[in-house]
PDB file of N, CA and C in Angstrom:
ATOM      1  N   MET A   1     -37.990  -9.607 -70.210  1.00  0.00           N
ATOM      2  CA  MET A   1     -37.535 -10.856 -69.626  1.00  0.00           C
ATOM      3  C   MET A   1     -38.399 -11.150 -68.410  1.00  0.00           C
ATOM      4  N   GLY A   2     -38.736 -12.416 -68.253  1.00  0.00           N
ATOM      5  CA  GLY A   2     -39.518 -12.842 -67.105  1.00  0.00           C
ATOM      6  C   GLY A   2     -38.648 -13.026 -65.879  1.00  0.00           C
ATOM      7  N   GLY A   3     -39.247 -13.557 -64.842  1.00  0.00           N
ATOM      8  CA  GLY A   3     -38.510 -13.801 -63.611  1.00  0.00           C
ATOM      9  C   GLY A   3     -37.714 -15.089 -63.667  1.00  0.00           C
ATOM     10  N   VAL A   4     -37.023 -15.338 -62.579  1.00  0.00           N
ATOM     11  CA  VAL A   4     -36.198 -16.537 -62.441  1.00  0.00           C
ATOM     12  C   VAL A   4     -36.778 -17.377 -61.317  1.00  0.00           C
ATOM     13  N   VAL A   5     -36.832 -18.684 -61.545  1.00  0.00           N
ATOM     14  CA  VAL A   5     -37.318 -19.620 -60.531  1.00  0.00           C
ATOM     15  C   VAL A   5     -36.187 -20.570 -60.181  1.00  0.00           C
ATOM     16  N   MET A   6     -36.016 -20.833 -58.880  1.00  0.00           N
ATOM     17  CA  MET A   6     -35.025 -21.805 -58.434  1.00  0.00           C
ATOM     18  C   MET A   6     -35.749 -23.122 -58.185  1.00  0.00           C
ATOM     19  N   VAL A   7     -35.199 -24.202 -58.747  1.00  0.00           N
ATOM     20  CA  VAL A   7     -35.805 -25.530 -58.646  1.00  0.00           C
ATOM     21  C   VAL A   7     -34.846 -26.454 -57.907  1.00  0.00           C
ATOM     22  N   GLU A   8     -35.344 -27.120 -56.883  1.00  0.00           N
ATOM     23  CA  GLU A   8     -34.527 -28.091 -56.148  1.00  0.00           C
ATOM     24  C   GLU A   8     -34.278 -29.311 -57.035  1.00  0.00           C
ATOM     25  N   ILE A   9     -33.079 -29.838 -56.988  1.00  0.00           N
ATOM     26  CA  ILE A   9     -32.744 -31.059 -57.713  1.00  0.00           C
ATOM     27  C   ILE A   9     -32.789 -32.200 -56.704  1.00  0.00           C
ATOM     28  N   PRO A  10     -33.717 -33.134 -56.885  1.00  0.00           N
ATOM     29  CA  PRO A  10     -33.870 -34.206 -55.890  1.00  0.00           C
ATOM     30  C   PRO A  10     -32.682 -35.162 -55.863  1.00  0.00           C
ATOM     31  N   GLU A  11     -32.503 -35.769 -54.706  1.00  0.00           N
ATOM     32  CA  GLU A  11     -31.522 -36.839 -54.513  1.00  0.00           C
ATOM     33  C   GLU A  11     -30.110 -36.446 -54.938  1.00  0.00           C
ATOM     34  N   ASN A  12     -29.649 -35.290 -54.477  1.00  0.00           N
ATOM     35  CA  ASN A  12     -28.251 -34.936 -54.710  1.00  0.00           C
ATOM     36  C   ASN A  12     -27.643 -34.480 -53.392  1.00  0.00           C
ATOM     37  N   GLU A  13     -26.480 -35.004 -53.095  1.00  0.00           N
ATOM     38  CA  GLU A  13     -25.827 -34.753 -51.809  1.00  0.00           C
ATOM     39  C   GLU A  13     -25.261 -33.346 -51.690  1.00  0.00           C
ATOM     40  N   ASP A  14     -25.077 -32.661 -52.816  1.00  0.00           N
ATOM     41  CA  ASP A  14     -24.453 -31.341 -52.801  1.00  0.00           C
ATOM     42  C   ASP A  14     -25.454 -30.198 -52.646  1.00  0.00           C
ATOM     43  N   GLY A  15     -26.744 -30.515 -52.600  1.00  0.00           N
ATOM     44  CA  GLY A  15     -27.756 -29.475 -52.471  1.00  0.00           C
ATOM     45  C   GLY A  15     -27.865 -28.583 -53.694  1.00  0.00           C
ATOM     46  N   LEU A  16     -27.582 -29.153 -54.867  1.00  0.00           N
ATOM     47  CA  LEU A  16     -27.623 -28.374 -56.102  1.00  0.00           C
ATOM     48  C   LEU A  16     -29.045 -27.953 -56.451  1.00  0.00           C
ATOM     49  N   THR A  17     -29.148 -26.803 -57.088  1.00  0.00           N
ATOM     50  CA  THR A  17     -30.431 -26.322 -57.579  1.00  0.00           C
ATOM     51  C   THR A  17     -30.276 -25.921 -59.044  1.00  0.00           C
ATOM     52  N   ALA A  18     -31.412 -25.783 -59.709  1.00  0.00           N
ATOM     53  CA  ALA A  18     -31.436 -25.305 -61.089  1.00  0.00           C
ATOM     54  C   ALA A  18     -32.091 -23.932 -61.108  1.00  0.00           C
ATOM     55  N   LEU A  19     -31.700 -23.125 -62.064  1.00  0.00           N
ATOM     56  CA  LEU A  19     -32.304 -21.817 -62.288  1.00  0.00           C
ATOM     57  C   LEU A  19     -33.030 -21.866 -63.623  1.00  0.00           C
ATOM     58  N   VAL A  20     -34.303 -21.511 -63.622  1.00  0.00           N
ATOM     59  CA  VAL A  20     -35.111 -21.543 -64.837  1.00  0.00           C
ATOM     60  C   VAL A  20     -35.619 -20.128 -65.090  1.00  0.00           C
ATOM     61  N   LEU A  21     -35.425 -19.652 -66.327  1.00  0.00           N
ATOM     62  CA  LEU A  21     -35.873 -18.309 -66.651  1.00  0.00           C
ATOM     63  C   LEU A  21     -36.406 -18.248 -68.068  1.00  0.00           C
ATOM     64  N   ARG A  22     -37.250 -17.261 -68.295  1.00  0.00           N
ATOM     65  CA  ARG A  22     -37.826 -17.040 -69.623  1.00  0.00           C
ATOM     66  C   ARG A  22     -37.264 -15.736 -70.181  1.00  0.00           C
ATOM     67  N   THR A  23     -36.872 -15.789 -71.449  1.00  0.00           N
ATOM     68  CA  THR A  23     -36.460 -14.579 -72.160  1.00  0.00           C
ATOM     69  C   THR A  23     -37.404 -14.399 -73.343  1.00  0.00           C
ATOM     70  N   LYS A  24     -37.132 -13.404 -74.158  1.00  0.00           N
ATOM     71  CA  LYS A  24     -37.955 -13.175 -75.351  1.00  0.00           C
ATOM     72  C   LYS A  24     -37.882 -14.343 -76.325  1.00  0.00           C
ATOM     73  N   THR A  25     -36.798 -15.123 -76.266  1.00  0.00           N
ATOM     74  CA  THR A  25     -36.611 -16.207 -77.234  1.00  0.00           C
ATOM     75  C   THR A  25     -36.958 -17.590 -76.701  1.00  0.00           C
ATOM     76  N   GLY A  26     -37.260 -17.713 -75.421  1.00  0.00           N
ATOM     77  CA  GLY A  26     -37.613 -19.036 -74.909  1.00  0.00           C
ATOM     78  C   GLY A  26     -37.360 -19.202 -73.425  1.00  0.00           C
ATOM     79  N   VAL A  27     -37.394 -20.461 -73.003  1.00  0.00           N
ATOM     80  CA  VAL A  27     -37.177 -20.832 -71.603  1.00  0.00           C
ATOM     81  C   VAL A  27     -35.830 -21.533 -71.506  1.00  0.00           C
ATOM     82  N   TYR A  28     -35.049 -21.172 -70.494  1.00  0.00           N
ATOM     83  CA  TYR A  28     -33.703 -21.712 -70.327  1.00  0.00           C
ATOM     84  C   TYR A  28     -33.512 -22.207 -68.903  1.00  0.00           C
ATOM     85  N   GLY A  29     -32.738 -23.274 -68.767  1.00  0.00           N
ATOM     86  CA  GLY A  29     -32.418 -23.815 -67.454  1.00  0.00           C
ATOM     87  C   GLY A  29     -30.916 -23.961 -67.293  1.00  0.00           C
ATOM     88  N   TRP A  30     -30.419 -23.574 -66.122  1.00  0.00           N
ATOM     89  CA  TRP A  30     -28.981 -23.620 -65.842  1.00  0.00           C
ATOM     90  C   TRP A  30     -28.752 -24.164 -64.439  1.00  0.00           C
ATOM     91  N   LEU A  31     -27.695 -24.941 -64.284  1.00  0.00           N
ATOM     92  CA  LEU A  31     -27.296 -25.382 -62.954  1.00  0.00           C
ATOM     93  C   LEU A  31     -26.847 -24.147 -62.181  1.00  0.00           C
ATOM     94  N   ASN A  32     -27.299 -24.032 -60.951  1.00  0.00           N
ATOM     95  CA  ASN A  32     -26.971 -22.877 -60.116  1.00  0.00           C
ATOM     96  C   ASN A  32     -25.574 -23.059 -59.524  1.00  0.00           C
ATOM     97  N   ALA A  33     -24.568 -23.059 -60.396  1.00  0.00           N
ATOM     98  CA  ALA A  33     -23.174 -23.239 -59.977  1.00  0.00           C
ATOM     99  C   ALA A  33     -22.265 -22.482 -60.939  1.00  0.00           C
ATOM    100  N   CYS A  34     -21.432 -21.626 -60.403  1.00  0.00           N
ATOM    101  CA  CYS A  34     -20.501 -20.852 -61.223  1.00  0.00           C
ATOM    102  C   CYS A  34     -19.366 -21.751 -61.704  1.00  0.00           C
ATOM    103  N   PRO A  35     -19.025 -21.711 -62.997  1.00  0.00           N
ATOM    104  CA  PRO A  35     -17.916 -22.536 -63.484  1.00  0.00           C
ATOM    105  C   PRO A  35     -16.561 -22.101 -62.914  1.00  0.00           C
ATOM    106  N   HIS A  36     -16.494 -20.915 -62.330  1.00  0.00           N
ATOM    107  CA  HIS A  36     -15.241 -20.417 -61.749  1.00  0.00           C
ATOM    108  C   HIS A  36     -14.825 -21.243 -60.537  1.00  0.00           C
ATOM    109  N   ASP A  37     -15.758 -21.461 -59.598  1.00  0.00           N
ATOM    110  CA  ASP A  37     -15.386 -22.206 -58.391  1.00  0.00           C
ATOM    111  C   ASP A  37     -16.466 -23.151 -57.879  1.00  0.00           C
ATOM    112  N   GLY A  38     -17.566 -23.285 -58.616  1.00  0.00           N
ATOM    113  CA  GLY A  38     -18.602 -24.248 -58.258  1.00  0.00           C
ATOM    114  C   GLY A  38     -19.613 -23.771 -57.240  1.00  0.00           C
ATOM    115  N   ARG A  39     -19.400 -22.590 -56.665  1.00  0.00           N
ATOM    116  CA  ARG A  39     -20.386 -22.084 -55.698  1.00  0.00           C
ATOM    117  C   ARG A  39     -21.628 -21.588 -56.425  1.00  0.00           C
ATOM    118  N   ARG A  40     -22.728 -21.493 -55.678  1.00  0.00           N
ATOM    119  CA  ARG A  40     -23.981 -21.022 -56.264  1.00  0.00           C
ATOM    120  C   ARG A  40     -23.827 -19.633 -56.875  1.00  0.00           C
ATOM    121  N   LEU A  41     -24.498 -19.440 -58.006  1.00  0.00           N
ATOM    122  CA  LEU A  41     -24.571 -18.102 -58.587  1.00  0.00           C
ATOM    123  C   LEU A  41     -25.372 -17.189 -57.672  1.00  0.00           C
ATOM    124  N   CYS A  42     -26.441 -17.751 -57.091  1.00  0.00           N
ATOM    125  CA  CYS A  42     -27.295 -16.955 -56.216  1.00  0.00           C
ATOM    126  C   CYS A  42     -27.933 -17.841 -55.158  1.00  0.00           C
ATOM    127  N   GLN A  43     -28.276 -17.223 -54.037  1.00  0.00           N
ATOM    128  CA  GLN A  43     -29.050 -17.892 -52.992  1.00  0.00           C
ATOM    129  C   GLN A  43     -30.532 -17.608 -53.190  1.00  0.00           C
ATOM    130  N   ASP A  44     -30.827 -16.444 -53.758  1.00  0.00           N
ATOM    131  CA  ASP A  44     -32.201 -16.008 -53.994  1.00  0.00           C
ATOM    132  C   ASP A  44     -32.290 -15.528 -55.443  1.00  0.00           C
ATOM    133  N   PRO A  45     -33.108 -16.171 -56.276  1.00  0.00           N
ATOM    134  CA  PRO A  45     -33.153 -15.822 -57.698  1.00  0.00           C
ATOM    135  C   PRO A  45     -33.629 -14.401 -57.983  1.00  0.00           C
ATOM    136  N   VAL A  46     -34.226 -13.743 -57.002  1.00  0.00           N
ATOM    137  CA  VAL A  46     -34.653 -12.356 -57.185  1.00  0.00           C
ATOM    138  C   VAL A  46     -33.458 -11.470 -57.528  1.00  0.00           C
ATOM    139  N   TYR A  47     -32.278 -11.846 -57.019  1.00  0.00           N
ATOM    140  CA  TYR A  47     -31.088 -11.023 -57.206  1.00  0.00           C
ATOM    141  C   TYR A  47     -30.159 -11.527 -58.309  1.00  0.00           C
ATOM    142  N   LEU A  48     -30.575 -12.507 -59.093  1.00  0.00           N
ATOM    143  CA  LEU A  48     -29.695 -13.099 -60.103  1.00  0.00           C
ATOM    144  C   LEU A  48     -29.446 -12.187 -61.297  1.00  0.00           C
ATOM    145  N   LEU A  49     -30.476 -11.525 -61.778  1.00  0.00           N
ATOM    146  CA  LEU A  49     -30.357 -10.744 -63.012  1.00  0.00           C
ATOM    147  C   LEU A  49     -29.884  -9.326 -62.734  1.00  0.00           C
ATOM    148  N   ASN A  50     -28.868  -8.900 -63.481  1.00  0.00           N
ATOM    149  CA  ASN A  50     -28.390  -7.528 -63.410  1.00  0.00           C
ATOM    150  C   ASN A  50     -29.436  -6.641 -64.075  1.00  0.00           C
ATOM    151  N   ARG A  51     -29.938  -5.667 -63.377  1.00  0.00           N
ATOM    152  CA  ARG A  51     -31.034  -4.835 -63.894  1.00  0.00           C
ATOM    153  C   ARG A  51     -30.636  -4.004 -65.113  1.00  0.00           C
ATOM    154  N   LYS A  52     -29.380  -3.638 -65.211  1.00  0.00           N
ATOM    155  CA  LYS A  52     -28.930  -2.816 -66.346  1.00  0.00           C
ATOM    156  C   LYS A  52     -28.719  -3.643 -67.604  1.00  0.00           C
ATOM    157  N   THR A  53     -28.116  -4.822 -67.465  1.00  0.00           N
ATOM    158  CA  THR A  53     -27.747  -5.619 -68.642  1.00  0.00           C
ATOM    159  C   THR A  53     -28.705  -6.766 -68.931  1.00  0.00           C
ATOM    160  N   GLY A  54     -29.460  -7.208 -67.921  1.00  0.00           N
ATOM    161  CA  GLY A  54     -30.324  -8.372 -68.092  1.00  0.00           C
ATOM    162  C   GLY A  54     -29.573  -9.686 -68.005  1.00  0.00           C
ATOM    163  N   HIS A  55     -28.263  -9.628 -67.763  1.00  0.00           N
ATOM    164  CA  HIS A  55     -27.462 -10.846 -67.649  1.00  0.00           C
ATOM    165  C   HIS A  55     -27.496 -11.383 -66.222  1.00  0.00           C
ATOM    166  N   MET A  56     -27.266 -12.678 -66.098  1.00  0.00           N
ATOM    167  CA  MET A  56     -27.165 -13.306 -64.788  1.00  0.00           C
ATOM    168  C   MET A  56     -25.820 -12.916 -64.185  1.00  0.00           C
ATOM    169  N   GLN A  57     -25.795 -12.672 -62.873  1.00  0.00           N
ATOM    170  CA  GLN A  57     -24.563 -12.227 -62.230  1.00  0.00           C
ATOM    171  C   GLN A  57     -24.282 -13.059 -60.985  1.00  0.00           C
ATOM    172  N   CYS A  58     -23.076 -13.615 -60.917  1.00  0.00           N
ATOM    173  CA  CYS A  58     -22.647 -14.419 -59.776  1.00  0.00           C
ATOM    174  C   CYS A  58     -22.503 -13.527 -58.544  1.00  0.00           C
ATOM    175  N   MET A  59     -23.053 -13.978 -57.433  1.00  0.00           N
ATOM    176  CA  MET A  59     -23.014 -13.169 -56.213  1.00  0.00           C
ATOM    177  C   MET A  59     -21.627 -13.125 -55.576  1.00  0.00           C
ATOM    178  N   HIS A  60     -20.719 -14.012 -55.964  1.00  0.00           N
ATOM    179  CA  HIS A  60     -19.406 -14.079 -55.317  1.00  0.00           C
ATOM    180  C   HIS A  60     -18.350 -13.220 -56.002  1.00  0.00           C
ATOM    181  N   HIS A  61     -18.245 -13.318 -57.314  1.00  0.00           N
ATOM    182  CA  HIS A  61     -17.194 -12.589 -58.025  1.00  0.00           C
ATOM    183  C   HIS A  61     -17.752 -11.694 -59.129  1.00  0.00           C
ATOM    184  N   GLN A  62     -19.070 -11.533 -59.162  1.00  0.00           N
ATOM    185  CA  GLN A  62     -19.758 -10.662 -60.115  1.00  0.00           C
ATOM    186  C   GLN A  62     -19.523 -11.036 -61.575  1.00  0.00           C
ATOM    187  N   ALA A  63     -19.146 -12.281 -61.836  1.00  0.00           N
ATOM    188  CA  ALA A  63     -19.073 -12.753 -63.222  1.00  0.00           C
ATOM    189  C   ALA A  63     -20.474 -12.657 -63.821  1.00  0.00           C
ATOM    190  N   THR A  64     -20.565 -12.281 -65.093  1.00  0.00           N
ATOM    191  CA  THR A  64     -21.871 -12.169 -65.736  1.00  0.00           C
ATOM    192  C   THR A  64     -22.005 -13.196 -66.854  1.00  0.00           C
ATOM    193  N   PHE A  65     -23.234 -13.690 -67.023  1.00  0.00           N
ATOM    194  CA  PHE A  65     -23.532 -14.767 -67.964  1.00  0.00           C
ATOM    195  C   PHE A  65     -24.724 -14.386 -68.826  1.00  0.00           C
ATOM    196  N   ASP A  66     -24.616 -14.662 -70.114  1.00  0.00           N
ATOM    197  CA  ASP A  66     -25.738 -14.465 -71.023  1.00  0.00           C
ATOM    198  C   ASP A  66     -26.842 -15.446 -70.633  1.00  0.00           C
ATOM    199  N   PRO A  67     -28.074 -14.975 -70.415  1.00  0.00           N
ATOM    200  CA  PRO A  67     -29.131 -15.871 -69.955  1.00  0.00           C
ATOM    201  C   PRO A  67     -29.596 -16.889 -70.992  1.00  0.00           C
ATOM    202  N   GLU A  68     -29.283 -16.668 -72.269  1.00  0.00           N
ATOM    203  CA  GLU A  68     -29.718 -17.586 -73.316  1.00  0.00           C
ATOM    204  C   GLU A  68     -28.646 -18.596 -73.709  1.00  0.00           C
ATOM    205  N   SER A  69     -27.385 -18.206 -73.633  1.00  0.00           N
ATOM    206  CA  SER A  69     -26.305 -19.129 -74.013  1.00  0.00           C
ATOM    207  C   SER A  69     -25.577 -19.705 -72.804  1.00  0.00           C
ATOM    208  N   GLY A  70     -25.682 -19.029 -71.650  1.00  0.00           N
ATOM    209  CA  GLY A  70     -24.968 -19.462 -70.453  1.00  0.00           C
ATOM    210  C   GLY A  70     -23.490 -19.125 -70.464  1.00  0.00           C
ATOM    211  N   VAL A  71     -23.019 -18.416 -71.485  1.00  0.00           N
ATOM    212  CA  VAL A  71     -21.601 -18.080 -71.608  1.00  0.00           C
ATOM    213  C   VAL A  71     -21.264 -16.898 -70.701  1.00  0.00           C
ATOM    214  N   CYS A  72     -20.157 -17.029 -69.983  1.00  0.00           N
ATOM    215  CA  CYS A  72     -19.655 -15.935 -69.155  1.00  0.00           C
ATOM    216  C   CYS A  72     -19.019 -14.898 -70.071  1.00  0.00           C
ATOM    217  N   ASP A  73     -19.535 -13.663 -70.013  1.00  0.00           N
ATOM    218  CA  ASP A  73     -18.988 -12.614 -70.872  1.00  0.00           C
ATOM    219  C   ASP A  73     -18.112 -11.622 -70.111  1.00  0.00           C
ATOM    220  N   ASP A  74     -18.028 -11.781 -68.794  1.00  0.00           N
ATOM    221  CA  ASP A  74     -17.153 -10.915 -68.009  1.00  0.00           C
ATOM    222  C   ASP A  74     -16.921 -11.542 -66.641  1.00  0.00           C
ATOM    223  N   GLY A  75     -15.681 -11.544 -66.202  1.00  0.00           N
ATOM    224  CA  GLY A  75     -15.353 -12.078 -64.881  1.00  0.00           C
ATOM    225  C   GLY A  75     -14.270 -13.127 -64.950  1.00  0.00           C
ATOM    226  N   PRO A  76     -13.977 -13.773 -63.812  1.00  0.00           N
ATOM    227  CA  PRO A  76     -12.859 -14.713 -63.735  1.00  0.00           C
ATOM    228  C   PRO A  76     -13.036 -15.977 -64.575  1.00  0.00           C
ATOM    229  N   CYS A  77     -14.251 -16.259 -65.009  1.00  0.00           N
ATOM    230  CA  CYS A  77     -14.471 -17.462 -65.826  1.00  0.00           C
ATOM    231  C   CYS A  77     -14.902 -17.088 -67.247  1.00  0.00           C
ATOM    232  N   GLU A  78     -14.482 -15.920 -67.720  1.00  0.00           N
ATOM    233  CA  GLU A  78     -14.869 -15.434 -69.045  1.00  0.00           C
ATOM    234  C   GLU A  78     -14.632 -16.501 -70.108  1.00  0.00           C
ATOM    235  N   GLY A  79     -15.680 -16.747 -70.917  1.00  0.00           N
ATOM    236  CA  GLY A  79     -15.609 -17.751 -71.974  1.00  0.00           C
ATOM    237  C   GLY A  79     -16.135 -19.111 -71.559  1.00  0.00           C
ATOM    238  N   ASP A  80     -16.197 -19.380 -70.257  1.00  0.00           N
ATOM    239  CA  ASP A  80     -16.762 -20.644 -69.774  1.00  0.00           C
ATOM    240  C   ASP A  80     -18.283 -20.584 -69.857  1.00  0.00           C
ATOM    241  N   THR A  81     -18.916 -21.752 -69.796  1.00  0.00           N
ATOM    242  CA  THR A  81     -20.365 -21.835 -69.932  1.00  0.00           C
ATOM    243  C   THR A  81     -20.978 -22.530 -68.728  1.00  0.00           C
ATOM    244  N   LEU A  82     -22.141 -22.031 -68.318  1.00  0.00           N
ATOM    245  CA  LEU A  82     -22.907 -22.700 -67.271  1.00  0.00           C
ATOM    246  C   LEU A  82     -23.385 -24.054 -67.783  1.00  0.00           C
ATOM    247  N   ARG A  83     -23.608 -24.981 -66.874  1.00  0.00           N
ATOM    248  CA  ARG A  83     -24.122 -26.298 -67.257  1.00  0.00           C
ATOM    249  C   ARG A  83     -25.628 -26.191 -67.487  1.00  0.00           C
ATOM    250  N   GLU A  84     -26.046 -26.592 -68.676  1.00  0.00           N
ATOM    251  CA  GLU A  84     -27.449 -26.468 -69.066  1.00  0.00           C
ATOM    252  C   GLU A  84     -28.310 -27.532 -68.394  1.00  0.00           C
ATOM    253  N   ILE A  85     -29.505 -27.124 -68.008  1.00  0.00           N
ATOM    254  CA  ILE A  85     -30.542 -28.027 -67.512  1.00  0.00           C
ATOM    255  C   ILE A  85     -31.650 -27.991 -68.561  1.00  0.00           C
ATOM    256  N   ASN A  86     -31.997 -29.123 -69.129  1.00  0.00           N
ATOM    257  CA  ASN A  86     -32.993 -29.167 -70.198  1.00  0.00           C
ATOM    258  C   ASN A  86     -34.384 -28.825 -69.680  1.00  0.00           C
ATOM    259  N   THR A  87     -35.073 -28.017 -70.460  1.00  0.00           N
ATOM    260  CA  THR A  87     -36.448 -27.640 -70.152  1.00  0.00           C
ATOM    261  C   THR A  87     -37.281 -27.772 -71.419  1.00  0.00           C
ATOM    262  N   ILE A  88     -38.557 -28.020 -71.237  1.00  0.00           N
ATOM    263  CA  ILE A  88     -39.503 -27.969 -72.350  1.00  0.00           C
ATOM    264  C   ILE A  88     -40.739 -27.227 -71.863  1.00  0.00           C
ATOM    265  N   GLU A  89     -41.418 -26.601 -72.793  1.00  0.00           N
ATOM    266  CA  GLU A  89     -42.657 -25.914 -72.462  1.00  0.00           C
ATOM    267  C   GLU A  89     -43.771 -26.545 -73.273  1.00  0.00           C
ATOM    268  N   THR A  90     -44.819 -26.940 -72.594  1.00  0.00           N
ATOM    269  CA  THR A  90     -45.960 -27.548 -73.264  1.00  0.00           C
ATOM    270  C   THR A  90     -47.242 -27.073 -72.586  1.00  0.00           C
ATOM    271  N   ASP A  91     -48.167 -26.587 -73.379  1.00  0.00           N
ATOM    272  CA  ASP A  91     -49.447 -26.083 -72.875  1.00  0.00           C
ATOM    273  C   ASP A  91     -49.270 -25.077 -71.739  1.00  0.00           C
ATOM    274  N   GLY A  92     -48.278 -24.189 -71.877  1.00  0.00           N
ATOM    275  CA  GLY A  92     -48.050 -23.158 -70.880  1.00  0.00           C
ATOM    276  C   GLY A  92     -47.334 -23.618 -69.624  1.00  0.00           C
ATOM    277  N   GLN A  93     -46.985 -24.893 -69.551  1.00  0.00           N
ATOM    278  CA  GLN A  93     -46.270 -25.443 -68.400  1.00  0.00           C
ATOM    279  C   GLN A  93     -44.802 -25.627 -68.762  1.00  0.00           C
ATOM    280  N   ILE A  94     -43.917 -25.271 -67.843  1.00  0.00           N
ATOM    281  CA  ILE A  94     -42.484 -25.490 -68.040  1.00  0.00           C
ATOM    282  C   ILE A  94     -42.097 -26.741 -67.277  1.00  0.00           C
ATOM    283  N   ILE A  95     -41.465 -27.663 -67.985  1.00  0.00           N
ATOM    284  CA  ILE A  95     -41.040 -28.925 -67.383  1.00  0.00           C
ATOM    285  C   ILE A  95     -39.517 -28.946 -67.378  1.00  0.00           C
ATOM    286  N   VAL A  96     -38.946 -29.203 -66.200  1.00  0.00           N
ATOM    287  CA  VAL A  96     -37.499 -29.292 -66.045  1.00  0.00           C
ATOM    288  C   VAL A  96     -37.120 -30.761 -66.111  1.00  0.00           C
ATOM    289  N   LEU A  97     -36.234 -31.109 -67.037  1.00  0.00           N
ATOM    290  CA  LEU A  97     -35.827 -32.498 -67.241  1.00  0.00           C
ATOM    291  C   LEU A  97     -34.512 -32.744 -66.524  1.00  0.00           C
ATOM    292  N   LEU A  98     -34.594 -33.441 -65.408  1.00  0.00           N
ATOM    293  CA  LEU A  98     -33.393 -33.696 -64.603  1.00  0.00           C
ATOM    294  C   LEU A  98     -32.859 -35.077 -64.853  1.00  0.00           C
TER     295      LEU A  98
END
């Protein structure tokens, strides 16, 4: 699995960001907001991925999310899904569609 990049979302009053990551199956984008309470999953994307499982982990309640489906598989929001941010990859460039 590749690293995670945090992307600023322009013109939003809430200071929302997107998280973009690459896995073996593709590139995925997720809103950096936990469905449990709306707070950021992470402040620094370096700490988003659980090293043992490879899943994304919320810094507040340790809920874990599948990086490819965005589904919470453990924690207070189990079964809920992160909000997807559309991405495309063309000529080695990742484009985030906001």
